[in-house]
C-alpha atoms as a PDB file:
ATOM      1  CA  UNK A   1      12.153  14.217   0.426  1.00  0.00           C
ATOM      2  CA  UNK A   2       9.490  12.141  -2.161  1.00  0.00           C
ATOM      3  CA  UNK A   3       9.595   8.645  -2.141  1.00  0.00           C
ATOM      4  CA  UNK A   4       7.363   6.263  -4.052  1.00  0.00           C
ATOM      5  CA  UNK A   5       5.758   3.261  -2.742  1.00  0.00           C
ATOM      6  CA  UNK A   6       4.528   0.161  -4.359  1.00  0.00           C
ATOM      7  CA  UNK A   7       1.143  -0.523  -4.439  1.00  0.00           C
ATOM      8  CA  UNK A   8      -0.244  -4.431  -4.859  1.00  0.00           C
ATOM      9  CA  UNK A   9      -4.525  -5.028  -4.757  1.00  0.00           C
ATOM     10  CA  UNK A  10      -6.231  -8.340  -4.296  1.00  0.00           C
ATOM     11  CA  UNK A  11     -10.173  -8.645  -5.669  1.00  0.00           C
ATOM     12  CA  UNK A  12     -12.183  -9.693  -2.703  1.00  0.00           C
ATOM     13  CA  UNK A  13     -15.189 -10.209  -2.200  1.00  0.00           C
ATOM     14  CA  UNK A  14     -16.195  -7.236  -1.316  1.00  0.00           C
ATOM     15  CA  UNK A  15     -14.117  -5.398  -4.021  1.00  0.00           C
ATOM     16  CA  UNK A  16     -10.774  -4.788  -3.868  1.00  0.00           C
ATOM     17  CA  UNK A  17      -7.779  -4.467  -1.058  1.00  0.00           C
ATOM     18  CA  UNK A  18      -4.874  -2.198  -1.100  1.00  0.00           C
ATOM     19  CA  UNK A  19      -1.390  -2.642   0.687  1.00  0.00           C
ATOM     20  CA  UNK A  20       1.732  -1.103   0.269  1.00  0.00           C
ATOM     21  CA  UNK A  21       4.724  -4.016  -0.412  1.00  0.00           C
ATOM     22  CA  UNK A  22       7.376  -2.079   1.630  1.00  0.00           C
ATOM     23  CA  UNK A  23       5.340  -0.891   4.034  1.00  0.00           C
ATOM     24  CA  UNK A  24       2.343  -4.288   5.299  1.00  0.00           C
ATOM     25  CA  UNK A  25       0.806  -2.049   8.022  1.00  0.00           C
ATOM     26  CA  UNK A  26      -0.982   0.164   4.988  1.00  0.00           C
ATOM     27  CA  UNK A  27      -3.801  -1.864   4.125  1.00  0.00           C
ATOM     28  CA  UNK A  28      -7.454  -0.395   3.486  1.00  0.00           C
ATOM     29  CA  UNK A  29     -10.485  -1.811   0.836  1.00  0.00           C
ATOM     30  CA  UNK A  30     -12.668  -0.208  -1.264  1.00  0.00           C
ATOM     31  CA  UNK A  31     -15.636  -1.474  -3.033  1.00  0.00           C
ATOM     32  CA  UNK A  32     -13.786  -0.578  -6.549  1.00  0.00           C
ATOM     33  CA  UNK A  33     -10.163  -0.407  -7.603  1.00  0.00           C
ATOM     34  CA  UNK A  34     -10.487   3.220  -8.199  1.00  0.00           C
ATOM     35  CA  UNK A  35     -11.558   4.170  -4.424  1.00  0.00           C
ATOM     36  CA  UNK A  36      -9.418   1.393  -3.187  1.00  0.00           C
ATOM     37  CA  UNK A  37      -6.896   3.437  -4.901  1.00  0.00           C
ATOM     38  CA  UNK A  38      -7.838   6.793  -3.026  1.00  0.00           C
ATOM     39  CA  UNK A  39      -8.471   5.325   0.112  1.00  0.00           C
ATOM     40  CA  UNK A  40      -4.813   3.720   0.368  1.00  0.00           C
ATOM     41  CA  UNK A  41      -3.205   7.111  -0.815  1.00  0.00           C
ATOM     42  CA  UNK A  42      -5.429   8.827   2.409  1.00  0.00           C
ATOM     43  CA  UNK A  43      -4.098   5.695   4.627  1.00  0.00           C
ATOM     44  CA  UNK A  44      -0.331   6.395   3.286  1.00  0.00           C
ATOM     45  CA  UNK A  45      -0.476   9.986   4.703  1.00  0.00           C
ATOM     46  CA  UNK A  46      -2.230   9.183   7.605  1.00  0.00           C
ATOM     47  CA  UNK A  47       0.245   6.202   8.480  1.00  0.00           C
ATOM     48  CA  UNK A  48       3.367   8.912   7.727  1.00  0.00           C
ATOM     49  CA  UNK A  49       1.750  11.414   9.948  1.00  0.00           C
ATOM     50  CA  UNK A  50       1.279   9.137  12.669  1.00  0.00           C
ATOM     51  CA  UNK A  51       5.240   7.887  12.155  1.00  0.00           C
ATOM     52  CA  UNK A  52       6.550  11.380  12.249  1.00  0.00           C
ATOM     53  CA  UNK A  53       4.335  11.823  15.540  1.00  0.00           C
ATOM     54  CA  UNK A  54       5.762   8.657  17.100  1.00  0.00           C
ATOM     55  CA  UNK A  55       9.688   9.470  15.738  1.00  0.00           C
ATOM     56  CA  UNK A  56       9.502   6.105  14.247  1.00  0.00           C
ATOM     57  CA  UNK A  57      11.689   5.475  11.122  1.00  0.00           C
ATOM     58  CA  UNK A  58       9.316   5.582   8.297  1.00  0.00           C
ATOM     59  CA  UNK A  59      10.078   2.482   5.604  1.00  0.00           C
ATOM     60  CA  UNK A  60      11.774   3.440   2.371  1.00  0.00           C
ATOM     61  CA  UNK A  61       9.694   2.811  -0.765  1.00  0.00           C
ATOM     62  CA  UNK A  62      11.033   1.714  -3.899  1.00  0.00           C
ATOM     63  CA  UNK A  63      10.578  -2.113  -4.665  1.00  0.00           C
ATOM     64  CA  UNK A  64      11.149  -3.539  -7.804  1.00  0.00           C
ATOM     65  CA  UNK A  65       8.413  -7.013  -8.366  1.00  0.00           C
ATOM     66  CA  UNK A  66       8.908  -9.139 -10.762  1.00  0.00           C
ATOM     67  CA  UNK A  67       6.693 -11.612 -11.446  1.00  0.00           C
ATOM     68  CA  UNK A  68       7.777 -15.247 -12.050  1.00  0.00           C
ATOM     69  CA  UNK A  69       6.086 -18.001 -13.911  1.00  0.00           C
ATOM     70  CA  UNK A  70       5.549 -21.257 -12.243  1.00  0.00           C
ATOM     71  CA  UNK A  71       3.879 -24.365 -13.960  1.00  0.00           C
ATOM     72  CA  UNK A  72       1.215 -25.550 -11.128  1.00  0.00           C
END
């Protein structure tokens, strides 16, 4: 089975933090955006393996994100 997850990247003091929208427990940091992407992909694979070993249900991907403008 193949699933797609939605990554959210946030600029932080030491680089970038990456997190999956559908699976918030999958989170990592990297010095550059590219490093963060690679590390997030690795974190996702490791979490899938861990959930399978524990026979836990793996969250489904495919979130739909939309930016909503707001006057602040």
